[in-house]
Amino acid sequence: MQNINNGFINLSNELAECKISLWGGNIVSYRPKTEKHDVFWVGDLNKFDNVQAIRGGIPVCWPRFAEEKLNDNLPRHGFARLSNWKLEKVDIDCKKIEVVLSLLPDAKYNLDVAANLLIKITDKLECKLETINNSDEEFKFSEALHAYFNVGNRDDVIIKGLGGHQYRSSLDGKIYTQDNDLQINKEFDAAFINHTGEVELIDPILKRVVVLNKSGSKSTVVWNPNKDLAEMSKGQYKKFICVEPANQGDLFVALPPKEKHVMMMEVKVKTLEDL
């Protein structure tokens, strides 16, 4: 089943349901039919006005990350999350959903590049961000799939897969080593450097494990602001943790002319009993 309403694509089959906003190319909802709770979190006070970026789901940060000096003529986190994407394709059957979205930069940015978002849902969610350099010059860019994972309580979630890796804190600019599994009970904003492996969010309240795999990504960003932001109702900051496949900081992409780069994230949900 599919329908498009007010710029949102609503999709459902035997395995899952999914909601995608054409504004920002944002997957705002994904729920396997075996799950009671959505995999992704969305701020209660979002305006969905096609002006502001959506807080939640998977905002596409492209072709700039945060307020980095690279491409500093572009908006914070780039323009992809502040643009209307074009729906190119929807295929749906009882076991699979496939969606393709595309984006050409506004002429004011003077960039001869393009982006595609390829979304595939079977018993898991797969999201690919393609960057195509149509120009005759190298294109340097940063990117992230800024996933907000829905959790029972941030303080109780154990994040596995980051132990032993170095990270650069955006709070003080220093580099640290994460010795063990990560738990967050205060503001945390860090990029795990040269991290390419699997990450698990073990959630004892929602009684599930969200497993994130990725490719084409040289860093993994983890973030929680430890306070409610404008799009959040009271206490809502404790209901998400961002874990983001990224290429940012010194690990940006230098894409040769006429070449393509793909960054992929794969999300699967397991019950705690599956461990």
C-alpha atoms as a PDB file:
ATOM      1  CA  MET A   1       0.000   0.000   0.000  1.00  0.00           C
ATOM      2  CA  GLN A   2       1.185   3.510  -0.767  1.00  0.00           C
ATOM      3  CA  ASN A   3      -0.143   7.048  -0.733  1.00  0.00           C
ATOM      4  CA  ILE A   4       1.304  10.547  -1.008  1.00  0.00           C
ATOM      5  CA  ASN A   5      -0.247  13.208   1.212  1.00  0.00           C
ATOM      6  CA  ASN A   6       1.034  16.750   1.851  1.00  0.00           C
ATOM      7  CA  GLY A   7       4.527  15.854   0.695  1.00  0.00           C
ATOM      8  CA  PHE A   8       4.741  12.619   2.707  1.00  0.00           C
ATOM      9  CA  ILE A   9       5.003   9.173   1.123  1.00  0.00           C
ATOM     10  CA  ASN A  10       3.262   6.563   3.269  1.00  0.00           C
ATOM     11  CA  LEU A  11       4.248   2.964   2.528  1.00  0.00           C
ATOM     12  CA  SER A  12       3.212  -0.350   4.038  1.00  0.00           C
ATOM     13  CA  ASN A  13       3.411  -4.073   3.298  1.00  0.00           C
ATOM     14  CA  GLU A  14       3.450  -7.340   5.240  1.00  0.00           C
ATOM     15  CA  LEU A  15       6.821  -6.631   6.828  1.00  0.00           C
ATOM     16  CA  ALA A  16       6.946  -2.939   7.666  1.00  0.00           C
ATOM     17  CA  GLU A  17       5.520   0.533   7.380  1.00  0.00           C
ATOM     18  CA  CYS A  18       7.496   3.627   6.471  1.00  0.00           C
ATOM     19  CA  LYS A  19       6.893   7.359   6.041  1.00  0.00           C
ATOM     20  CA  ILE A  20       9.172   9.576   3.952  1.00  0.00           C
ATOM     21  CA  SER A  21       9.093  13.353   3.638  1.00  0.00           C
ATOM     22  CA  LEU A  22       9.942  14.795   0.233  1.00  0.00           C
ATOM     23  CA  TRP A  23      11.082  17.885   2.144  1.00  0.00           C
ATOM     24  CA  GLY A  24      14.611  16.935   3.106  1.00  0.00           C
ATOM     25  CA  GLY A  25      14.344  13.391   1.725  1.00  0.00           C
ATOM     26  CA  ASN A  26      13.800  12.426   5.354  1.00  0.00           C
ATOM     27  CA  ILE A  27      12.708   8.949   6.471  1.00  0.00           C
ATOM     28  CA  VAL A  28      10.572  10.181   9.361  1.00  0.00           C
ATOM     29  CA  SER A  29       9.175   6.795  10.380  1.00  0.00           C
ATOM     30  CA  TYR A  30      10.077   3.133  10.019  1.00  0.00           C
ATOM     31  CA  ARG A  31       8.415   0.342  11.979  1.00  0.00           C
ATOM     32  CA  PRO A  32       8.760  -3.379  11.309  1.00  0.00           C
ATOM     33  CA  LYS A  33       5.361  -5.016  11.792  1.00  0.00           C
ATOM     34  CA  THR A  34       6.895  -7.149  14.558  1.00  0.00           C
ATOM     35  CA  GLU A  35       7.626  -3.961  16.563  1.00  0.00           C
ATOM     36  CA  LYS A  36       5.262  -1.908  18.710  1.00  0.00           C
ATOM     37  CA  HIS A  37       7.496   1.161  18.636  1.00  0.00           C
ATOM     38  CA  ASP A  38       8.943   3.150  15.741  1.00  0.00           C
ATOM     39  CA  VAL A  39      12.671   2.735  15.124  1.00  0.00           C
ATOM     40  CA  PHE A  40      13.076   6.497  14.676  1.00  0.00           C
ATOM     41  CA  TRP A  41      12.258   9.462  16.883  1.00  0.00           C
ATOM     42  CA  VAL A  42      10.658  12.710  15.679  1.00  0.00           C
ATOM     43  CA  GLY A  43      10.303  15.922  17.706  1.00  0.00           C
ATOM     44  CA  ASP A  44       6.744  16.589  18.876  1.00  0.00           C
ATOM     45  CA  LEU A  45       6.935  20.296  18.036  1.00  0.00           C
ATOM     46  CA  ASN A  46       8.170  20.094  14.455  1.00  0.00           C
ATOM     47  CA  LYS A  47       6.277  22.558  12.251  1.00  0.00           C
ATOM     48  CA  PHE A  48       6.608  20.539   9.020  1.00  0.00           C
ATOM     49  CA  ASP A  49       6.423  23.869   7.194  1.00  0.00           C
ATOM     50  CA  ASN A  50       8.854  23.070   4.351  1.00  0.00           C
ATOM     51  CA  VAL A  51      11.030  25.896   5.623  1.00  0.00           C
ATOM     52  CA  GLN A  52      12.810  24.495   8.646  1.00  0.00           C
ATOM     53  CA  ALA A  53      14.680  21.192   8.709  1.00  0.00           C
ATOM     54  CA  ILE A  54      12.806  18.298  10.296  1.00  0.00           C
ATOM     55  CA  ARG A  55      14.139  17.376  13.734  1.00  0.00           C
ATOM     56  CA  GLY A  56      14.090  13.578  13.773  1.00  0.00           C
ATOM     57  CA  GLY A  57      13.941  10.593  11.455  1.00  0.00           C
ATOM     58  CA  ILE A  58      17.013  10.600   9.201  1.00  0.00           C
ATOM     59  CA  PRO A  59      17.893  14.135   8.079  1.00  0.00           C
ATOM     60  CA  VAL A  60      20.306  14.071   5.146  1.00  0.00           C
ATOM     61  CA  CYS A  61      23.339  16.249   5.904  1.00  0.00           C
ATOM     62  CA  TRP A  62      24.847  16.979   2.491  1.00  0.00           C
ATOM     63  CA  PRO A  63      27.174  18.310   1.113  1.00  0.00           C
ATOM     64  CA  ARG A  64      28.321  19.952   4.353  1.00  0.00           C
ATOM     65  CA  PHE A  65      28.372  18.652   7.907  1.00  0.00           C
ATOM     66  CA  ALA A  66      27.561  20.936  10.852  1.00  0.00           C
ATOM     67  CA  GLU A  67      29.436  24.246  10.512  1.00  0.00           C
ATOM     68  CA  GLU A  68      32.640  22.886   9.054  1.00  0.00           C
ATOM     69  CA  LYS A  69      34.909  25.182   7.059  1.00  0.00           C
ATOM     70  CA  LEU A  70      34.570  22.893   4.042  1.00  0.00           C
ATOM     71  CA  ASN A  71      31.783  24.316   1.841  1.00  0.00           C
ATOM     72  CA  ASP A  72      31.192  27.097   4.347  1.00  0.00           C
ATOM     73  CA  ASN A  73      29.215  29.036   1.737  1.00  0.00           C
ATOM     74  CA  LEU A  74      26.421  26.484   2.278  1.00  0.00           C
ATOM     75  CA  PRO A  75      23.865  26.304   5.102  1.00  0.00           C
ATOM     76  CA  ARG A  76      24.744  24.478   8.317  1.00  0.00           C
ATOM     77  CA  HIS A  77      24.512  20.731   7.622  1.00  0.00           C
ATOM     78  CA  GLY A  78      24.175  21.547   3.907  1.00  0.00           C
ATOM     79  CA  PHE A  79      21.079  22.187   1.823  1.00  0.00           C
ATOM     80  CA  ALA A  80      19.763  18.647   1.285  1.00  0.00           C
ATOM     81  CA  ARG A  81      17.639  18.711   4.438  1.00  0.00           C
ATOM     82  CA  LEU A  82      16.286  22.133   3.363  1.00  0.00           C
ATOM     83  CA  SER A  83      15.289  21.097  -0.158  1.00  0.00           C
ATOM     84  CA  ASN A  84      12.410  19.359  -1.881  1.00  0.00           C
ATOM     85  CA  TRP A  85      13.538  16.030  -3.273  1.00  0.00           C
ATOM     86  CA  LYS A  86      12.039  14.524  -6.417  1.00  0.00           C
ATOM     87  CA  LEU A  87      10.339  11.159  -6.230  1.00  0.00           C
ATOM     88  CA  GLU A  88      11.787   9.034  -9.027  1.00  0.00           C
ATOM     89  CA  LYS A  89      10.496   5.563  -8.231  1.00  0.00           C
ATOM     90  CA  VAL A  90       8.321   3.545  -5.872  1.00  0.00           C
ATOM     91  CA  ASP A  91       8.103  -0.242  -6.065  1.00  0.00           C
ATOM     92  CA  ILE A  92       6.192  -2.186  -3.450  1.00  0.00           C
ATOM     93  CA  ASP A  93       5.131  -5.781  -2.970  1.00  0.00           C
ATOM     94  CA  CYS A  94       4.358  -7.920   0.055  1.00  0.00           C
ATOM     95  CA  LYS A  95       8.031  -8.536   0.963  1.00  0.00           C
ATOM     96  CA  LYS A  96       9.874  -5.475  -0.340  1.00  0.00           C
ATOM     97  CA  ILE A  97       9.589  -1.697  -0.608  1.00  0.00           C
ATOM     98  CA  GLU A  98      11.929   0.346  -2.815  1.00  0.00           C
ATOM     99  CA  VAL A  99      12.007   4.121  -3.181  1.00  0.00           C
ATOM    100  CA  VAL A 100      14.363   6.379  -5.149  1.00  0.00           C
ATOM    101  CA  LEU A 101      14.595  10.134  -4.527  1.00  0.00           C
ATOM    102  CA  SER A 102      16.822  12.610  -6.339  1.00  0.00           C
ATOM    103  CA  LEU A 103      18.146  16.102  -5.675  1.00  0.00           C
ATOM    104  CA  LEU A 104      19.799  18.712  -7.880  1.00  0.00           C
ATOM    105  CA  PRO A 105      21.291  21.713  -6.058  1.00  0.00           C
ATOM    106  CA  ASP A 106      19.572  25.061  -6.456  1.00  0.00           C
ATOM    107  CA  ALA A 107      21.266  27.148  -9.162  1.00  0.00           C
ATOM    108  CA  LYS A 108      22.424  29.683  -6.557  1.00  0.00           C
ATOM    109  CA  TYR A 109      24.908  27.140  -5.182  1.00  0.00           C
ATOM    110  CA  ASN A 110      26.641  26.777  -8.565  1.00  0.00           C
ATOM    111  CA  LEU A 111      27.403  23.070  -8.067  1.00  0.00           C
ATOM    112  CA  ASP A 112      27.401  20.579 -10.933  1.00  0.00           C
ATOM    113  CA  VAL A 113      26.640  17.615  -8.698  1.00  0.00           C
ATOM    114  CA  ALA A 114      23.610  15.534  -7.794  1.00  0.00           C
ATOM    115  CA  ALA A 115      22.372  13.288  -4.998  1.00  0.00           C
ATOM    116  CA  ASN A 116      20.186  10.208  -4.976  1.00  0.00           C
ATOM    117  CA  LEU A 117      18.608   8.505  -1.988  1.00  0.00           C
ATOM    118  CA  LEU A 118      17.862   4.821  -2.467  1.00  0.00           C
ATOM    119  CA  ILE A 119      15.667   3.267   0.218  1.00  0.00           C
ATOM    120  CA  LYS A 120      14.991  -0.461   0.419  1.00  0.00           C
ATOM    121  CA  ILE A 121      12.946  -2.260   3.066  1.00  0.00           C
ATOM    122  CA  THR A 122      12.783  -6.038   3.421  1.00  0.00           C
ATOM    123  CA  ASP A 123      13.283  -7.500   6.905  1.00  0.00           C
ATOM    124  CA  LYS A 124      15.588  -4.503   7.436  1.00  0.00           C
ATOM    125  CA  LEU A 125      15.967  -0.917   6.268  1.00  0.00           C
ATOM    126  CA  GLU A 126      18.708  -0.013   3.803  1.00  0.00           C
ATOM    127  CA  CYS A 127      19.393   3.596   2.896  1.00  0.00           C
ATOM    128  CA  LYS A 128      22.017   4.658   0.335  1.00  0.00           C
ATOM    129  CA  LEU A 129      23.112   8.242  -0.276  1.00  0.00           C
ATOM    130  CA  GLU A 130      24.714   8.588  -3.703  1.00  0.00           C
ATOM    131  CA  THR A 131      26.769  11.621  -4.690  1.00  0.00           C
ATOM    132  CA  ILE A 132      27.424  12.105  -8.403  1.00  0.00           C
ATOM    133  CA  ASN A 133      30.069  14.573  -9.548  1.00  0.00           C
ATOM    134  CA  ASN A 134      29.010  15.745 -13.007  1.00  0.00           C
ATOM    135  CA  SER A 135      31.665  18.451 -13.195  1.00  0.00           C
ATOM    136  CA  ASP A 136      35.181  18.439 -14.601  1.00  0.00           C
ATOM    137  CA  GLU A 137      36.699  19.243 -11.218  1.00  0.00           C
ATOM    138  CA  GLU A 138      37.144  17.353  -7.975  1.00  0.00           C
ATOM    139  CA  PHE A 139      34.243  17.836  -5.557  1.00  0.00           C
ATOM    140  CA  LYS A 140      35.028  17.902  -1.835  1.00  0.00           C
ATOM    141  CA  PHE A 141      32.118  17.365   0.518  1.00  0.00           C
ATOM    142  CA  SER A 142      31.018  16.135   3.937  1.00  0.00           C
ATOM    143  CA  GLU A 143      27.917  14.077   4.632  1.00  0.00           C
ATOM    144  CA  ALA A 144      25.930  12.232   7.284  1.00  0.00           C
ATOM    145  CA  LEU A 145      22.737  10.236   7.596  1.00  0.00           C
ATOM    146  CA  HIS A 146      21.746  11.950  10.844  1.00  0.00           C
ATOM    147  CA  ALA A 147      19.637   9.106  12.296  1.00  0.00           C
ATOM    148  CA  TYR A 148      17.605   9.800  15.452  1.00  0.00           C
ATOM    149  CA  PHE A 149      16.976   6.409  17.052  1.00  0.00           C
ATOM    150  CA  ASN A 150      13.915   6.113  19.266  1.00  0.00           C
ATOM    151  CA  VAL A 151      14.780   4.758  22.744  1.00  0.00           C
ATOM    152  CA  GLY A 152      12.914   4.101  25.987  1.00  0.00           C
ATOM    153  CA  ASN A 153      15.317   6.226  28.009  1.00  0.00           C
ATOM    154  CA  ARG A 154      18.675   7.516  26.812  1.00  0.00           C
ATOM    155  CA  ASP A 155      20.317   6.883  30.195  1.00  0.00           C
ATOM    156  CA  ASP A 156      19.568   3.157  30.091  1.00  0.00           C
ATOM    157  CA  VAL A 157      20.739   2.383  26.554  1.00  0.00           C
ATOM    158  CA  ILE A 158      24.055   0.579  26.083  1.00  0.00           C
ATOM    159  CA  ILE A 159      25.830   1.341  22.802  1.00  0.00           C
ATOM    160  CA  LYS A 160      28.100  -1.482  21.682  1.00  0.00           C
ATOM    161  CA  GLY A 161      30.686  -1.451  18.893  1.00  0.00           C
ATOM    162  CA  LEU A 162      32.552   1.753  19.748  1.00  0.00           C
ATOM    163  CA  GLY A 163      34.844   0.444  22.484  1.00  0.00           C
ATOM    164  CA  GLY A 164      38.551   0.793  21.702  1.00  0.00           C
ATOM    165  CA  HIS A 165      37.971   3.554  19.148  1.00  0.00           C
ATOM    166  CA  GLN A 166      39.149   7.133  19.302  1.00  0.00           C
ATOM    167  CA  TYR A 167      36.704   9.989  18.990  1.00  0.00           C
ATOM    168  CA  ARG A 168      36.937  13.730  18.629  1.00  0.00           C
ATOM    169  CA  SER A 169      34.573  15.586  20.934  1.00  0.00           C
ATOM    170  CA  SER A 170      32.787  18.524  19.332  1.00  0.00           C
ATOM    171  CA  LEU A 171      32.345  19.993  22.806  1.00  0.00           C
ATOM    172  CA  ASP A 172      36.044  20.711  23.408  1.00  0.00           C
ATOM    173  CA  GLY A 173      37.821  19.606  20.209  1.00  0.00           C
ATOM    174  CA  LYS A 174      39.919  17.029  22.055  1.00  0.00           C
ATOM    175  CA  ILE A 175      40.510  13.393  21.107  1.00  0.00           C
ATOM    176  CA  TYR A 176      39.589  10.645  23.550  1.00  0.00           C
ATOM    177  CA  THR A 177      39.501   6.840  23.507  1.00  0.00           C
ATOM    178  CA  GLN A 178      36.269   5.036  24.285  1.00  0.00           C
ATOM    179  CA  ASP A 179      37.483   2.166  26.459  1.00  0.00           C
ATOM    180  CA  ASN A 180      34.231   0.246  26.903  1.00  0.00           C
ATOM    181  CA  ASP A 181      30.612   0.260  25.775  1.00  0.00           C
ATOM    182  CA  LEU A 182      29.131   3.753  25.670  1.00  0.00           C
ATOM    183  CA  GLN A 183      26.317   5.011  27.885  1.00  0.00           C
ATOM    184  CA  ILE A 184      25.157   8.623  27.714  1.00  0.00           C
ATOM    185  CA  ASN A 185      23.886  10.524  30.746  1.00  0.00           C
ATOM    186  CA  LYS A 186      25.016  14.029  29.803  1.00  0.00           C
ATOM    187  CA  GLU A 187      25.625  16.091  26.670  1.00  0.00           C
ATOM    188  CA  PHE A 188      27.604  14.059  24.135  1.00  0.00           C
ATOM    189  CA  ASP A 189      28.675  15.096  20.641  1.00  0.00           C
ATOM    190  CA  ALA A 190      31.529  13.146  19.086  1.00  0.00           C
ATOM    191  CA  ALA A 191      32.828  11.694  15.852  1.00  0.00           C
ATOM    192  CA  PHE A 192      34.407   8.251  16.145  1.00  0.00           C
ATOM    193  CA  ILE A 193      37.383   8.364  13.812  1.00  0.00           C
ATOM    194  CA  ASN A 194      37.921   5.651  11.183  1.00  0.00           C
ATOM    195  CA  HIS A 195      35.056   3.663  12.656  1.00  0.00           C
ATOM    196  CA  THR A 196      33.552   1.335  10.057  1.00  0.00           C
ATOM    197  CA  GLY A 197      32.033  -1.449  12.146  1.00  0.00           C
ATOM    198  CA  GLU A 198      28.646  -2.442  13.477  1.00  0.00           C
ATOM    199  CA  VAL A 199      26.914  -0.530  16.275  1.00  0.00           C
ATOM    200  CA  GLU A 200      24.216  -1.931  18.541  1.00  0.00           C
ATOM    201  CA  LEU A 201      21.806   0.078  20.695  1.00  0.00           C
ATOM    202  CA  ILE A 202      20.661  -2.220  23.473  1.00  0.00           C
ATOM    203  CA  ASP A 203      17.428  -0.862  24.908  1.00  0.00           C
ATOM    204  CA  PRO A 204      16.143  -2.587  28.071  1.00  0.00           C
ATOM    205  CA  ILE A 205      12.945  -0.507  28.210  1.00  0.00           C
ATOM    206  CA  LEU A 206      11.768  -1.119  24.632  1.00  0.00           C
ATOM    207  CA  LYS A 207      13.236  -4.634  24.960  1.00  0.00           C
ATOM    208  CA  ARG A 208      15.045  -4.561  21.658  1.00  0.00           C
ATOM    209  CA  VAL A 209      18.402  -4.133  19.979  1.00  0.00           C
ATOM    210  CA  VAL A 210      18.762  -1.778  17.024  1.00  0.00           C
ATOM    211  CA  VAL A 211      21.692  -2.896  14.857  1.00  0.00           C
ATOM    212  CA  LEU A 212      23.378  -0.390  12.554  1.00  0.00           C
ATOM    213  CA  ASN A 213      25.783  -1.408   9.802  1.00  0.00           C
ATOM    214  CA  LYS A 214      27.267   0.908   7.217  1.00  0.00           C
ATOM    215  CA  SER A 215      29.656   1.236   4.293  1.00  0.00           C
ATOM    216  CA  GLY A 216      31.320   4.119   2.485  1.00  0.00           C
ATOM    217  CA  SER A 217      31.609   5.908   5.825  1.00  0.00           C
ATOM    218  CA  LYS A 218      34.841   6.663   7.688  1.00  0.00           C
ATOM    219  CA  SER A 219      33.365   8.096  10.865  1.00  0.00           C
ATOM    220  CA  THR A 220      30.409   7.496  13.156  1.00  0.00           C
ATOM    221  CA  VAL A 221      28.864  10.471  14.922  1.00  0.00           C
ATOM    222  CA  VAL A 222      27.027  10.013  18.234  1.00  0.00           C
ATOM    223  CA  TRP A 223      24.978  12.865  19.685  1.00  0.00           C
ATOM    224  CA  ASN A 224      22.504  13.827  22.371  1.00  0.00           C
ATOM    225  CA  PRO A 225      22.120  17.478  23.468  1.00  0.00           C
ATOM    226  CA  ASN A 226      21.063  16.727  27.058  1.00  0.00           C
ATOM    227  CA  LYS A 227      18.338  19.354  26.765  1.00  0.00           C
ATOM    228  CA  ASP A 228      15.136  19.955  24.870  1.00  0.00           C
ATOM    229  CA  LEU A 229      15.517  21.909  21.635  1.00  0.00           C
ATOM    230  CA  ALA A 230      12.861  23.983  19.890  1.00  0.00           C
ATOM    231  CA  GLU A 231      11.172  21.008  18.209  1.00  0.00           C
ATOM    232  CA  MET A 232      10.919  18.935  21.400  1.00  0.00           C
ATOM    233  CA  SER A 233       8.248  18.662  24.059  1.00  0.00           C
ATOM    234  CA  LYS A 234       9.372  18.584  27.698  1.00  0.00           C
ATOM    235  CA  GLY A 235      11.872  15.810  28.411  1.00  0.00           C
ATOM    236  CA  GLN A 236      11.845  14.511  24.849  1.00  0.00           C
ATOM    237  CA  TYR A 237      15.639  14.713  24.558  1.00  0.00           C
ATOM    238  CA  LYS A 238      15.835  11.586  26.699  1.00  0.00           C
ATOM    239  CA  LYS A 239      13.910   9.631  24.073  1.00  0.00           C
ATOM    240  CA  PHE A 240      16.547   9.550  21.322  1.00  0.00           C
ATOM    241  CA  ILE A 241      20.183   8.904  20.564  1.00  0.00           C
ATOM    242  CA  CYS A 242      21.695   9.937  17.224  1.00  0.00           C
ATOM    243  CA  VAL A 243      24.113   7.460  15.669  1.00  0.00           C
ATOM    244  CA  GLU A 244      25.174   8.637  12.244  1.00  0.00           C
ATOM    245  CA  PRO A 245      27.202   7.172   9.380  1.00  0.00           C
ATOM    246  CA  ALA A 246      29.316  10.115   8.251  1.00  0.00           C
ATOM    247  CA  ASN A 247      32.266  11.419   6.301  1.00  0.00           C
ATOM    248  CA  GLN A 248      33.212  14.628   8.062  1.00  0.00           C
ATOM    249  CA  GLY A 249      36.038  16.552   9.660  1.00  0.00           C
ATOM    250  CA  ASP A 250      39.335  15.441   8.139  1.00  0.00           C
ATOM    251  CA  LEU A 251      37.552  12.400   6.710  1.00  0.00           C
ATOM    252  CA  PHE A 252      35.588  14.261   4.043  1.00  0.00           C
ATOM    253  CA  VAL A 253      35.179  12.865   0.519  1.00  0.00           C
ATOM    254  CA  ALA A 254      37.247  14.137  -2.422  1.00  0.00           C
ATOM    255  CA  LEU A 255      35.248  12.872  -5.394  1.00  0.00           C
ATOM    256  CA  PRO A 256      36.980  12.894  -8.808  1.00  0.00           C
ATOM    257  CA  PRO A 257      35.196  14.293 -11.881  1.00  0.00           C
ATOM    258  CA  LYS A 258      32.436  12.120 -13.367  1.00  0.00           C
ATOM    259  CA  GLU A 259      32.645   9.692 -10.423  1.00  0.00           C
ATOM    260  CA  LYS A 260      30.081   8.516  -7.861  1.00  0.00           C
ATOM    261  CA  HIS A 261      30.346   7.959  -4.107  1.00  0.00           C
ATOM    262  CA  VAL A 262      27.916   5.853  -2.078  1.00  0.00           C
ATOM    263  CA  MET A 263      27.410   5.873   1.680  1.00  0.00           C
ATOM    264  CA  MET A 264      25.053   3.220   2.999  1.00  0.00           C
ATOM    265  CA  MET A 265      23.375   2.485   6.325  1.00  0.00           C
ATOM    266  CA  GLU A 266      21.498  -0.682   7.204  1.00  0.00           C
ATOM    267  CA  VAL A 267      19.194  -0.916  10.208  1.00  0.00           C
ATOM    268  CA  LYS A 268      17.778  -4.100  11.671  1.00  0.00           C
ATOM    269  CA  VAL A 269      15.828  -4.669  14.888  1.00  0.00           C
ATOM    270  CA  LYS A 270      16.235  -7.698  17.138  1.00  0.00           C
ATOM    271  CA  THR A 271      14.565  -8.566  20.420  1.00  0.00           C
ATOM    272  CA  LEU A 272      16.737  -8.820  23.499  1.00  0.00           C
ATOM    273  CA  GLU A 273      16.004 -12.548  23.555  1.00  0.00           C
ATOM    274  CA  ASP A 274      17.778 -12.893  20.191  1.00  0.00           C
ATOM    275  CA  LEU A 275      21.150 -12.056  21.790  1.00  0.00           C
END
